Amino acid sequence: MRNRVVLFLLHTLSWLLLSSDTCHGVESDIRCLETLKLQLQDPNKFLDSWDFSNKTEGFICKFNGIGCWHPDESKVLNICLSNMGLRGPFPSSLKYCTSMTGLDLSNNDLSGSLPEDIDLIIPFVVKLDLSSNNFSGNLPAKLGNITYLNVLNLQHNQFSGQIPWQVGRLGRLTTFNVVDNPLSGQIPTFTNKSFGAKNFANTGLCGKPLNDCVGPAKKSHTGVIIGAAVGGIIFGIIVVVVLLSALRGVEKVDEEEDVEGNEWAKSIKGTKGIRVSIFEKLVPKMRLFNLIKATNNFSRNNIIDIGRTGTTYKANLSDETAGNLSF
């Protein structure tokens, strides 16, 4: 008897919990559609049939463009509002349709950018079709977090910037189309699927399956070459300046060393004898070495006279012979 009571209580509790979840889910989905109708402009009155005064079970399942998990349960499975002339932004109220797996808003006049937290608004969507609208701005990177996506159709919009690399991580993606958008940059690598060039018909995109990108990699390589060339030229100029400075220093030292003005003596060939003109005694021919030694390297202090015939030096020979010689 006691076991029967326990089982009865467990069944009752389970029923109450399930009823609470269902009721909460129904209320959330009704709120989703009520707010959606308020957010979108409907010039063609397609959404006028959405009557929320009728509170019978599953009443929202009869709404135009709404599919439910079960006809008698107000739990949205998918929303298809294609080709209705609707206007406005991407509806954030869709976050209240917590069990929705399909969303088709194609062929309308919706505009603005997609919300950055789109993965929190439609986390379980399998098919997302936003084609042929006026959506713009960058594609949110968090599209890559909607992991159940099989179909992502964004063609014929005004999306710009790059395709986020996170989109390439969508392992279940079988259909992807971004034709006719001013997108640019590298096409991401997709994990489990390769898409044809027809899915990326935008002049600004590059990489497989389109032409190779000629941007960052080659530009950076060119920059390295230019930088190396400029660096080489600057280094060459520095070397030339240093060499010229060194040569000037050597010339200056040579000039300082030749303060006696005897540079001309280096041009005298020492292999021939030099005839001495005036000496107290007769002096034989002399070698250059002896002559330089006798005149103290032709020092100015040894100059006696500078005349038409040349310069006369006082010379002291090793044999104590003294005299004057002219060149």
C-alpha atoms as a PDB file:
ATOM      1  CA  MET A   1       0.000   0.000   0.000  1.00  0.00           C
ATOM      2  CA  ARG A   2       2.793   2.355   0.940  1.00  0.00           C
ATOM      3  CA  ASN A   3       4.575   1.643  -2.375  1.00  0.00           C
ATOM      4  CA  ARG A   4       1.426   2.548  -4.315  1.00  0.00           C
ATOM      5  CA  VAL A   5       1.205   5.867  -2.512  1.00  0.00           C
ATOM      6  CA  VAL A   6       4.852   6.640  -3.290  1.00  0.00           C
ATOM      7  CA  LEU A   7       4.384   5.780  -6.976  1.00  0.00           C
ATOM      8  CA  PHE A   8       1.253   7.937  -7.145  1.00  0.00           C
ATOM      9  CA  LEU A   9       3.094  10.894  -5.638  1.00  0.00           C
ATOM     10  CA  LEU A  10       6.013  10.460  -8.058  1.00  0.00           C
ATOM     11  CA  HIS A  11       3.700  10.361 -11.069  1.00  0.00           C
ATOM     12  CA  THR A  12       1.851  13.425  -9.844  1.00  0.00           C
ATOM     13  CA  LEU A  13       5.090  15.346  -9.296  1.00  0.00           C
ATOM     14  CA  SER A  14       6.397  14.385 -12.744  1.00  0.00           C
ATOM     15  CA  TRP A  15       3.145  15.495 -14.378  1.00  0.00           C
ATOM     16  CA  LEU A  16       3.282  18.829 -12.562  1.00  0.00           C
ATOM     17  CA  LEU A  17       6.889  19.419 -13.635  1.00  0.00           C
ATOM     18  CA  LEU A  18       6.149  18.565 -17.260  1.00  0.00           C
ATOM     19  CA  SER A  19       3.055  20.739 -17.238  1.00  0.00           C
ATOM     20  CA  SER A  20       5.075  23.603 -15.798  1.00  0.00           C
ATOM     21  CA  ASP A  21       7.775  23.272 -18.495  1.00  0.00           C
ATOM     22  CA  THR A  22       5.170  23.047 -21.254  1.00  0.00           C
ATOM     23  CA  CYS A  23       3.271  26.013 -19.908  1.00  0.00           C
ATOM     24  CA  HIS A  24       6.486  28.021 -19.633  1.00  0.00           C
ATOM     25  CA  GLY A  25       7.491  26.992 -23.166  1.00  0.00           C
ATOM     26  CA  VAL A  26       4.068  27.938 -24.554  1.00  0.00           C
ATOM     27  CA  GLU A  27       4.110  31.316 -22.846  1.00  0.00           C
ATOM     28  CA  SER A  28       7.626  31.987 -24.131  1.00  0.00           C
ATOM     29  CA  ASP A  29       6.705  31.114 -27.722  1.00  0.00           C
ATOM     30  CA  ILE A  30       3.561  33.257 -27.606  1.00  0.00           C
ATOM     31  CA  ARG A  31       5.642  36.157 -26.325  1.00  0.00           C
ATOM     32  CA  CYS A  32       8.142  35.510 -29.143  1.00  0.00           C
ATOM     33  CA  LEU A  33       5.495  35.950 -31.856  1.00  0.00           C
ATOM     34  CA  GLU A  34       3.718  38.842 -30.160  1.00  0.00           C
ATOM     35  CA  THR A  35       6.952  40.828 -29.936  1.00  0.00           C
ATOM     36  CA  LEU A  36       7.986  39.783 -33.447  1.00  0.00           C
ATOM     37  CA  LYS A  37       4.776  41.259 -34.860  1.00  0.00           C
ATOM     38  CA  LEU A  38       5.489  44.519 -33.035  1.00  0.00           C
ATOM     39  CA  GLN A  39       9.116  44.705 -34.207  1.00  0.00           C
ATOM     40  CA  LEU A  40       8.409  44.210 -37.901  1.00  0.00           C
ATOM     41  CA  GLN A  41       6.649  46.626 -40.225  1.00  0.00           C
ATOM     42  CA  ASP A  42       4.048  44.780 -42.285  1.00  0.00           C
ATOM     43  CA  PRO A  43       2.841  47.084 -45.092  1.00  0.00           C
ATOM     44  CA  ASN A  44       1.068  44.204 -46.849  1.00  0.00           C
ATOM     45  CA  LYS A  45      -0.819  43.097 -43.688  1.00  0.00           C
ATOM     46  CA  PHE A  46       0.349  39.498 -43.874  1.00  0.00           C
ATOM     47  CA  LEU A  47       0.616  39.308 -40.094  1.00  0.00           C
ATOM     48  CA  ASP A  48      -2.876  40.631 -39.408  1.00  0.00           C
ATOM     49  CA  SER A  49      -4.063  37.041 -39.087  1.00  0.00           C
ATOM     50  CA  TRP A  50      -1.940  36.646 -35.983  1.00  0.00           C
ATOM     51  CA  ASP A  51      -4.719  36.953 -33.398  1.00  0.00           C
ATOM     52  CA  PHE A  52      -3.473  36.573 -29.845  1.00  0.00           C
ATOM     53  CA  SER A  53      -6.899  36.957 -28.251  1.00  0.00           C
ATOM     54  CA  ASN A  54      -7.579  33.270 -28.930  1.00  0.00           C
ATOM     55  CA  LYS A  55      -5.866  31.345 -26.147  1.00  0.00           C
ATOM     56  CA  THR A  56      -6.855  27.813 -27.135  1.00  0.00           C
ATOM     57  CA  GLU A  57      -4.146  25.171 -27.137  1.00  0.00           C
ATOM     58  CA  GLY A  58      -1.997  25.325 -30.257  1.00  0.00           C
ATOM     59  CA  PHE A  59      -3.631  28.518 -31.578  1.00  0.00           C
ATOM     60  CA  ILE A  60      -0.314  30.038 -32.760  1.00  0.00           C
ATOM     61  CA  CYS A  61       0.261  26.982 -34.952  1.00  0.00           C
ATOM     62  CA  LYS A  62      -2.468  28.306 -37.261  1.00  0.00           C
ATOM     63  CA  PHE A  63      -0.635  31.595 -37.812  1.00  0.00           C
ATOM     64  CA  ASN A  64       0.583  32.391 -41.303  1.00  0.00           C
ATOM     65  CA  GLY A  65       4.234  31.273 -41.631  1.00  0.00           C
ATOM     66  CA  ILE A  66       4.418  29.434 -38.299  1.00  0.00           C
ATOM     67  CA  GLY A  67       5.146  25.726 -37.920  1.00  0.00           C
ATOM     68  CA  CYS A  68       4.855  23.946 -34.559  1.00  0.00           C
ATOM     69  CA  TRP A  69       6.307  20.794 -33.141  1.00  0.00           C
ATOM     70  CA  HIS A  70       2.757  19.502 -32.740  1.00  0.00           C
ATOM     71  CA  PRO A  71      -0.474  21.041 -34.069  1.00  0.00           C
ATOM     72  CA  ASP A  72      -2.019  21.051 -30.616  1.00  0.00           C
ATOM     73  CA  GLU A  73       1.017  22.470 -28.843  1.00  0.00           C
ATOM     74  CA  SER A  74       1.980  26.145 -29.055  1.00  0.00           C
ATOM     75  CA  LYS A  75       5.684  25.421 -29.424  1.00  0.00           C
ATOM     76  CA  VAL A  76       7.317  26.977 -32.494  1.00  0.00           C
ATOM     77  CA  LEU A  77       9.380  24.661 -34.689  1.00  0.00           C
ATOM     78  CA  ASN A  78      10.098  27.016 -37.572  1.00  0.00           C
ATOM     79  CA  ILE A  79       9.203  30.476 -38.856  1.00  0.00           C
ATOM     80  CA  CYS A  80       8.891  31.132 -42.587  1.00  0.00           C
ATOM     81  CA  LEU A  81       8.035  34.753 -43.416  1.00  0.00           C
ATOM     82  CA  SER A  82       9.543  34.824 -46.892  1.00  0.00           C
ATOM     83  CA  ASN A  83       8.472  37.314 -49.582  1.00  0.00           C
ATOM     84  CA  MET A  84       6.111  39.358 -47.401  1.00  0.00           C
ATOM     85  CA  GLY A  85       7.630  42.814 -47.870  1.00  0.00           C
ATOM     86  CA  LEU A  86       8.485  43.022 -44.181  1.00  0.00           C
ATOM     87  CA  ARG A  87      10.683  45.863 -42.936  1.00  0.00           C
ATOM     88  CA  GLY A  88      12.752  46.444 -39.849  1.00  0.00           C
ATOM     89  CA  PRO A  89      15.830  44.999 -38.128  1.00  0.00           C
ATOM     90  CA  PHE A  90      16.692  41.418 -37.360  1.00  0.00           C
ATOM     91  CA  PRO A  91      14.065  40.629 -34.662  1.00  0.00           C
ATOM     92  CA  SER A  92      15.684  40.068 -31.276  1.00  0.00           C
ATOM     93  CA  SER A  93      12.374  38.683 -29.959  1.00  0.00           C
ATOM     94  CA  LEU A  94      13.242  35.381 -31.644  1.00  0.00           C
ATOM     95  CA  LYS A  95      15.193  34.485 -28.494  1.00  0.00           C
ATOM     96  CA  TYR A  96      11.850  33.614 -26.878  1.00  0.00           C
ATOM     97  CA  CYS A  97      11.193  30.913 -29.487  1.00  0.00           C
ATOM     98  CA  THR A  98      13.479  28.606 -27.560  1.00  0.00           C
ATOM     99  CA  SER A  99      12.795  25.447 -29.581  1.00  0.00           C
ATOM    100  CA  MET A 100      12.917  26.952 -33.074  1.00  0.00           C
ATOM    101  CA  THR A 101      15.101  25.100 -35.595  1.00  0.00           C
ATOM    102  CA  GLY A 102      14.245  26.908 -38.830  1.00  0.00           C
ATOM    103  CA  LEU A 103      14.134  30.618 -39.757  1.00  0.00           C
ATOM    104  CA  ASP A 104      13.377  31.955 -43.235  1.00  0.00           C
ATOM    105  CA  LEU A 105      13.148  35.749 -43.603  1.00  0.00           C
ATOM    106  CA  SER A 106      14.256  35.843 -47.247  1.00  0.00           C
ATOM    107  CA  ASN A 107      12.980  38.237 -49.938  1.00  0.00           C
ATOM    108  CA  ASN A 108      11.936  41.054 -47.633  1.00  0.00           C
ATOM    109  CA  ASP A 109      13.197  44.562 -46.947  1.00  0.00           C
ATOM    110  CA  LEU A 110      14.876  43.916 -43.603  1.00  0.00           C
ATOM    111  CA  SER A 111      17.936  46.024 -42.833  1.00  0.00           C
ATOM    112  CA  GLY A 112      20.617  46.814 -40.285  1.00  0.00           C
ATOM    113  CA  SER A 113      23.336  44.572 -38.943  1.00  0.00           C
ATOM    114  CA  LEU A 114      22.976  41.145 -37.416  1.00  0.00           C
ATOM    115  CA  PRO A 115      23.266  41.124 -33.599  1.00  0.00           C
ATOM    116  CA  GLU A 116      26.653  40.153 -32.215  1.00  0.00           C
ATOM    117  CA  ASP A 117      25.002  37.645 -29.855  1.00  0.00           C
ATOM    118  CA  ILE A 118      23.041  35.950 -32.630  1.00  0.00           C
ATOM    119  CA  ASP A 119      24.134  32.584 -31.230  1.00  0.00           C
ATOM    120  CA  LEU A 120      22.121  33.295 -28.070  1.00  0.00           C
ATOM    121  CA  ILE A 121      19.042  34.399 -30.026  1.00  0.00           C
ATOM    122  CA  ILE A 122      18.760  31.387 -32.342  1.00  0.00           C
ATOM    123  CA  PRO A 123      21.036  28.738 -30.738  1.00  0.00           C
ATOM    124  CA  PHE A 124      19.280  25.655 -32.163  1.00  0.00           C
ATOM    125  CA  VAL A 125      18.538  26.832 -35.703  1.00  0.00           C
ATOM    126  CA  VAL A 126      19.403  24.297 -38.403  1.00  0.00           C
ATOM    127  CA  LYS A 127      18.346  26.390 -41.401  1.00  0.00           C
ATOM    128  CA  LEU A 128      18.888  30.171 -41.561  1.00  0.00           C
ATOM    129  CA  ASP A 129      17.854  31.990 -44.736  1.00  0.00           C
ATOM    130  CA  LEU A 130      18.272  35.785 -44.734  1.00  0.00           C
ATOM    131  CA  SER A 131      18.831  36.140 -48.482  1.00  0.00           C
ATOM    132  CA  SER A 132      17.549  39.025 -50.627  1.00  0.00           C
ATOM    133  CA  ASN A 133      17.257  41.676 -47.931  1.00  0.00           C
ATOM    134  CA  ASN A 134      19.197  44.841 -47.108  1.00  0.00           C
ATOM    135  CA  PHE A 135      21.168  43.554 -44.145  1.00  0.00           C
ATOM    136  CA  SER A 136      24.562  45.253 -43.806  1.00  0.00           C
ATOM    137  CA  GLY A 137      27.629  45.476 -41.595  1.00  0.00           C
ATOM    138  CA  ASN A 138      30.076  42.752 -40.650  1.00  0.00           C
ATOM    139  CA  LEU A 139      29.020  39.161 -40.250  1.00  0.00           C
ATOM    140  CA  PRO A 140      29.130  38.361 -36.512  1.00  0.00           C
ATOM    141  CA  ALA A 141      31.858  35.927 -35.537  1.00  0.00           C
ATOM    142  CA  LYS A 142      29.390  34.122 -33.256  1.00  0.00           C
ATOM    143  CA  LEU A 143      27.613  32.694 -36.269  1.00  0.00           C
ATOM    144  CA  GLY A 144      30.237  30.017 -35.772  1.00  0.00           C
ATOM    145  CA  ASN A 145      28.643  29.113 -32.420  1.00  0.00           C
ATOM    146  CA  ILE A 146      25.312  28.070 -33.961  1.00  0.00           C
ATOM    147  CA  THR A 147      26.643  24.557 -34.183  1.00  0.00           C
ATOM    148  CA  TYR A 148      23.502  22.882 -35.600  1.00  0.00           C
ATOM    149  CA  LEU A 149      23.472  25.004 -38.763  1.00  0.00           C
ATOM    150  CA  ASN A 150      23.093  22.985 -41.959  1.00  0.00           C
ATOM    151  CA  VAL A 151      21.993  25.834 -44.222  1.00  0.00           C
ATOM    152  CA  LEU A 152      23.259  29.425 -44.105  1.00  0.00           C
ATOM    153  CA  ASN A 153      21.995  31.578 -46.973  1.00  0.00           C
ATOM    154  CA  LEU A 154      23.097  35.235 -46.893  1.00  0.00           C
ATOM    155  CA  GLN A 155      23.191  36.075 -50.603  1.00  0.00           C
ATOM    156  CA  HIS A 156      21.941  39.361 -52.092  1.00  0.00           C
ATOM    157  CA  ASN A 157      22.520  41.618 -49.084  1.00  0.00           C
ATOM    158  CA  GLN A 158      24.984  44.376 -48.180  1.00  0.00           C
ATOM    159  CA  PHE A 159      27.209  42.490 -45.756  1.00  0.00           C
ATOM    160  CA  SER A 160      30.782  43.806 -45.750  1.00  0.00           C
ATOM    161  CA  GLY A 161      34.153  42.949 -44.259  1.00  0.00           C
ATOM    162  CA  GLN A 162      35.541  39.448 -44.029  1.00  0.00           C
ATOM    163  CA  ILE A 163      33.781  36.143 -43.592  1.00  0.00           C
ATOM    164  CA  PRO A 164      34.603  35.181 -39.980  1.00  0.00           C
ATOM    165  CA  TRP A 165      36.943  32.221 -39.774  1.00  0.00           C
ATOM    166  CA  GLN A 166      34.654  30.806 -37.065  1.00  0.00           C
ATOM    167  CA  VAL A 167      32.066  30.055 -39.769  1.00  0.00           C
ATOM    168  CA  GLY A 168      34.503  27.516 -41.163  1.00  0.00           C
ATOM    169  CA  ARG A 169      34.161  25.503 -37.939  1.00  0.00           C
ATOM    170  CA  LEU A 170      30.481  24.719 -38.586  1.00  0.00           C
ATOM    171  CA  GLY A 171      30.900  20.996 -39.067  1.00  0.00           C
ATOM    172  CA  ARG A 172      27.268  20.308 -40.080  1.00  0.00           C
ATOM    173  CA  LEU A 173      27.137  23.036 -42.748  1.00  0.00           C
ATOM    174  CA  THR A 174      26.082  21.674 -46.152  1.00  0.00           C
ATOM    175  CA  THR A 175      24.815  24.867 -47.821  1.00  0.00           C
ATOM    176  CA  PHE A 176      26.582  28.225 -47.633  1.00  0.00           C
ATOM    177  CA  ASN A 177      25.952  31.186 -49.927  1.00  0.00           C
ATOM    178  CA  VAL A 178      27.212  34.784 -49.714  1.00  0.00           C
ATOM    179  CA  VAL A 179      26.832  35.781 -53.379  1.00  0.00           C
ATOM    180  CA  ASP A 180      26.271  39.478 -54.151  1.00  0.00           C
ATOM    181  CA  ASN A 181      27.639  41.030 -50.967  1.00  0.00           C
ATOM    182  CA  PRO A 182      30.529  43.542 -50.772  1.00  0.00           C
ATOM    183  CA  LEU A 183      32.575  41.100 -48.724  1.00  0.00           C
ATOM    184  CA  SER A 184      36.362  41.038 -48.939  1.00  0.00           C
ATOM    185  CA  GLY A 185      39.411  39.142 -47.790  1.00  0.00           C
ATOM    186  CA  GLN A 186      40.297  35.500 -47.336  1.00  0.00           C
ATOM    187  CA  ILE A 187      37.611  32.817 -47.576  1.00  0.00           C
ATOM    188  CA  PRO A 188      37.877  30.649 -44.442  1.00  0.00           C
ATOM    189  CA  THR A 189      38.724  26.981 -44.604  1.00  0.00           C
ATOM    190  CA  PHE A 190      35.647  24.864 -43.914  1.00  0.00           C
ATOM    191  CA  THR A 191      35.988  21.830 -41.675  1.00  0.00           C
ATOM    192  CA  ASN A 192      33.922  19.167 -43.398  1.00  0.00           C
ATOM    193  CA  LYS A 193      32.765  20.707 -46.656  1.00  0.00           C
ATOM    194  CA  SER A 194      34.160  22.467 -49.692  1.00  0.00           C
ATOM    195  CA  PHE A 195      31.901  24.920 -51.502  1.00  0.00           C
ATOM    196  CA  GLY A 196      32.130  25.936 -55.156  1.00  0.00           C
ATOM    197  CA  ALA A 197      33.102  29.329 -56.548  1.00  0.00           C
ATOM    198  CA  LYS A 198      29.449  30.085 -57.346  1.00  0.00           C
ATOM    199  CA  ASN A 199      28.783  30.380 -53.603  1.00  0.00           C
ATOM    200  CA  PHE A 200      31.334  33.210 -53.252  1.00  0.00           C
ATOM    201  CA  ALA A 201      30.708  35.406 -56.308  1.00  0.00           C
ATOM    202  CA  ASN A 202      32.078  38.612 -54.783  1.00  0.00           C
ATOM    203  CA  THR A 203      34.882  40.612 -56.363  1.00  0.00           C
ATOM    204  CA  GLY A 204      36.557  41.306 -53.012  1.00  0.00           C
ATOM    205  CA  LEU A 205      36.900  37.695 -51.848  1.00  0.00           C
ATOM    206  CA  CYS A 206      39.939  35.533 -52.510  1.00  0.00           C
ATOM    207  CA  GLY A 207      41.325  32.131 -51.668  1.00  0.00           C
ATOM    208  CA  LYS A 208      39.953  28.700 -52.485  1.00  0.00           C
ATOM    209  CA  PRO A 209      37.764  28.108 -54.420  1.00  0.00           C
ATOM    210  CA  LEU A 210      38.467  31.574 -55.956  1.00  0.00           C
ATOM    211  CA  ASN A 211      41.824  33.040 -57.001  1.00  0.00           C
ATOM    212  CA  ASP A 212      44.685  33.071 -54.539  1.00  0.00           C
ATOM    213  CA  CYS A 213      44.952  36.101 -52.295  1.00  0.00           C
ATOM    214  CA  VAL A 214      47.690  38.541 -53.303  1.00  0.00           C
ATOM    215  CA  GLY A 215      47.426  40.635 -50.185  1.00  0.00           C
ATOM    216  CA  PRO A 216      49.086  40.250 -46.787  1.00  0.00           C
ATOM    217  CA  ALA A 217      51.624  37.494 -47.485  1.00  0.00           C
ATOM    218  CA  LYS A 218      53.095  38.935 -50.679  1.00  0.00           C
ATOM    219  CA  LYS A 219      52.866  42.502 -49.505  1.00  0.00           C
ATOM    220  CA  SER A 220      54.785  41.683 -46.381  1.00  0.00           C
ATOM    221  CA  HIS A 221      57.417  39.867 -48.479  1.00  0.00           C
ATOM    222  CA  THR A 222      57.763  42.920 -50.706  1.00  0.00           C
ATOM    223  CA  GLY A 223      58.084  45.090 -47.630  1.00  0.00           C
ATOM    224  CA  VAL A 224      60.962  42.939 -46.389  1.00  0.00           C
ATOM    225  CA  ILE A 225      62.750  43.275 -49.736  1.00  0.00           C
ATOM    226  CA  ILE A 226      62.283  47.052 -49.809  1.00  0.00           C
ATOM    227  CA  GLY A 227      63.402  47.355 -46.199  1.00  0.00           C
ATOM    228  CA  ALA A 228      66.515  45.276 -46.875  1.00  0.00           C
ATOM    229  CA  ALA A 229      67.368  47.363 -49.943  1.00  0.00           C
ATOM    230  CA  VAL A 230      66.996  50.644 -48.053  1.00  0.00           C
ATOM    231  CA  GLY A 231      69.016  49.272 -45.163  1.00  0.00           C
ATOM    232  CA  GLY A 232      71.768  48.169 -47.558  1.00  0.00           C
ATOM    233  CA  ILE A 233      71.929  51.604 -49.167  1.00  0.00           C
ATOM    234  CA  ILE A 234      72.133  53.335 -45.791  1.00  0.00           C
ATOM    235  CA  PHE A 235      74.846  50.927 -44.639  1.00  0.00           C
ATOM    236  CA  GLY A 236      76.814  51.553 -47.840  1.00  0.00           C
ATOM    237  CA  ILE A 237      76.608  55.315 -47.344  1.00  0.00           C
ATOM    238  CA  ILE A 238      77.839  54.960 -43.761  1.00  0.00           C
ATOM    239  CA  VAL A 239      80.793  52.817 -44.901  1.00  0.00           C
ATOM    240  CA  VAL A 240      81.753  55.360 -47.582  1.00  0.00           C
ATOM    241  CA  VAL A 241      81.562  58.233 -45.084  1.00  0.00           C
ATOM    242  CA  VAL A 242      83.725  56.324 -42.582  1.00  0.00           C
ATOM    243  CA  LEU A 243      86.313  55.486 -45.253  1.00  0.00           C
ATOM    244  CA  LEU A 244      86.473  59.079 -46.483  1.00  0.00           C
ATOM    245  CA  SER A 245      86.880  60.303 -42.920  1.00  0.00           C
ATOM    246  CA  ALA A 246      89.675  57.788 -42.347  1.00  0.00           C
ATOM    247  CA  LEU A 247      91.468  58.825 -45.548  1.00  0.00           C
ATOM    248  CA  ARG A 248      91.232  62.488 -44.609  1.00  0.00           C
ATOM    249  CA  GLY A 249      92.678  61.631 -41.217  1.00  0.00           C
ATOM    250  CA  VAL A 250      95.621  59.848 -42.835  1.00  0.00           C
ATOM    251  CA  GLU A 251      96.256  62.814 -45.137  1.00  0.00           C
ATOM    252  CA  LYS A 252      96.155  65.141 -42.151  1.00  0.00           C
ATOM    253  CA  VAL A 253      98.655  62.999 -40.262  1.00  0.00           C
ATOM    254  CA  ASP A 254     100.942  62.939 -43.304  1.00  0.00           C
ATOM    255  CA  GLU A 255     100.771  66.707 -43.535  1.00  0.00           C
ATOM    256  CA  GLU A 256     101.586  67.042 -39.847  1.00  0.00           C
ATOM    257  CA  GLU A 257     104.512  64.645 -40.162  1.00  0.00           C
ATOM    258  CA  ASP A 258     105.911  66.674 -43.075  1.00  0.00           C
ATOM    259  CA  VAL A 259     106.186  69.909 -41.154  1.00  0.00           C
ATOM    260  CA  GLU A 260     109.744  70.302 -42.476  1.00  0.00           C
ATOM    261  CA  GLY A 261     108.464  70.342 -46.057  1.00  0.00           C
ATOM    262  CA  ASN A 262     110.658  67.403 -47.004  1.00  0.00           C
ATOM    263  CA  GLU A 263     108.090  65.393 -48.915  1.00  0.00           C
ATOM    264  CA  TRP A 264     110.026  66.071 -52.116  1.00  0.00           C
ATOM    265  CA  ALA A 265     112.969  64.100 -50.761  1.00  0.00           C
ATOM    266  CA  LYS A 266     110.949  60.882 -50.998  1.00  0.00           C
ATOM    267  CA  SER A 267     110.931  61.211 -54.772  1.00  0.00           C
ATOM    268  CA  ILE A 268     114.695  61.083 -54.994  1.00  0.00           C
ATOM    269  CA  LYS A 269     115.861  57.730 -56.334  1.00  0.00           C
ATOM    270  CA  GLY A 270     118.430  56.328 -53.994  1.00  0.00           C
ATOM    271  CA  THR A 271     120.047  54.011 -56.484  1.00  0.00           C
ATOM    272  CA  LYS A 272     122.139  56.786 -58.057  1.00  0.00           C
ATOM    273  CA  GLY A 273     124.953  58.837 -56.551  1.00  0.00           C
ATOM    274  CA  ILE A 274     124.380  62.507 -55.675  1.00  0.00           C
ATOM    275  CA  ARG A 275     127.108  65.011 -56.611  1.00  0.00           C
ATOM    276  CA  VAL A 276     127.869  67.422 -53.814  1.00  0.00           C
ATOM    277  CA  SER A 277     128.519  70.959 -55.017  1.00  0.00           C
ATOM    278  CA  ILE A 278     130.429  72.862 -52.297  1.00  0.00           C
ATOM    279  CA  PHE A 279     132.397  71.210 -49.525  1.00  0.00           C
ATOM    280  CA  GLU A 280     135.466  72.194 -47.549  1.00  0.00           C
ATOM    281  CA  LYS A 281     137.038  68.999 -48.789  1.00  0.00           C
ATOM    282  CA  LEU A 282     136.554  66.930 -51.893  1.00  0.00           C
ATOM    283  CA  VAL A 283     133.713  64.536 -51.242  1.00  0.00           C
ATOM    284  CA  PRO A 284     132.960  61.494 -53.415  1.00  0.00           C
ATOM    285  CA  LYS A 285     129.493  60.623 -54.671  1.00  0.00           C
ATOM    286  CA  MET A 286     127.039  59.802 -51.882  1.00  0.00           C
ATOM    287  CA  ARG A 287     124.098  57.509 -51.460  1.00  0.00           C
ATOM    288  CA  LEU A 288     120.626  58.899 -50.603  1.00  0.00           C
ATOM    289  CA  PHE A 289     120.685  57.331 -47.163  1.00  0.00           C
ATOM    290  CA  ASN A 290     123.931  59.083 -46.248  1.00  0.00           C
ATOM    291  CA  LEU A 291     122.689  62.346 -47.725  1.00  0.00           C
ATOM    292  CA  ILE A 292     119.460  62.272 -45.668  1.00  0.00           C
ATOM    293  CA  LYS A 293     121.432  61.479 -42.554  1.00  0.00           C
ATOM    294  CA  ALA A 294     123.948  64.279 -43.193  1.00  0.00           C
ATOM    295  CA  THR A 295     121.218  66.925 -43.611  1.00  0.00           C
ATOM    296  CA  ASN A 296     119.024  65.680 -40.759  1.00  0.00           C
ATOM    297  CA  ASN A 297     116.346  64.538 -43.203  1.00  0.00           C
ATOM    298  CA  PHE A 298     116.727  67.788 -45.164  1.00  0.00           C
ATOM    299  CA  SER A 299     115.590  69.716 -42.163  1.00  0.00           C
ATOM    300  CA  ARG A 300     114.676  73.360 -42.593  1.00  0.00           C
ATOM    301  CA  ASN A 301     117.087  74.090 -39.803  1.00  0.00           C
ATOM    302  CA  ASN A 302     119.887  72.976 -42.144  1.00  0.00           C
ATOM    303  CA  ILE A 303     118.872  75.330 -44.982  1.00  0.00           C
ATOM    304  CA  ILE A 304     121.495  77.965 -45.627  1.00  0.00           C
ATOM    305  CA  ASP A 305     120.214  79.552 -48.802  1.00  0.00           C
ATOM    306  CA  ILE A 306     117.446  79.248 -51.396  1.00  0.00           C
ATOM    307  CA  GLY A 307     118.524  80.621 -54.755  1.00  0.00           C
ATOM    308  CA  ARG A 308     118.074  80.226 -58.475  1.00  0.00           C
ATOM    309  CA  THR A 309     120.239  77.144 -58.509  1.00  0.00           C
ATOM    310  CA  GLY A 310     118.261  75.466 -55.758  1.00  0.00           C
ATOM    311  CA  THR A 311     118.344  75.026 -52.001  1.00  0.00           C
ATOM    312  CA  THR A 312     121.645  74.936 -50.115  1.00  0.00           C
ATOM    313  CA  TYR A 313     121.826  72.687 -47.025  1.00  0.00           C
ATOM    314  CA  LYS A 314     124.452  72.385 -44.326  1.00  0.00           C
ATOM    315  CA  ALA A 315     125.675  68.788 -44.133  1.00  0.00           C
ATOM    316  CA  ASN A 316     127.713  66.983 -41.479  1.00  0.00           C
ATOM    317  CA  LEU A 317     129.208  63.730 -42.639  1.00  0.00           C
ATOM    318  CA  SER A 318     130.202  60.846 -40.449  1.00  0.00           C
ATOM    319  CA  ASP A 319     133.868  61.397 -41.261  1.00  0.00           C
ATOM    320  CA  GLU A 320     133.553  64.894 -39.694  1.00  0.00           C
ATOM    321  CA  THR A 321     133.627  66.495 -43.086  1.00  0.00           C
ATOM    322  CA  ALA A 322     131.388  69.517 -43.178  1.00  0.00           C
ATOM    323  CA  GLY A 323     130.183  71.567 -46.061  1.00  0.00           C
ATOM    324  CA  ASN A 324     127.305  72.949 -48.014  1.00  0.00           C
ATOM    325  CA  LEU A 325     125.404  71.202 -50.764  1.00  0.00           C
ATOM    326  CA  SER A 326     122.875  72.433 -53.272  1.00  0.00           C
ATOM    327  CA  PHE A 327     120.060  70.773 -55.256  1.00  0.00           C
END
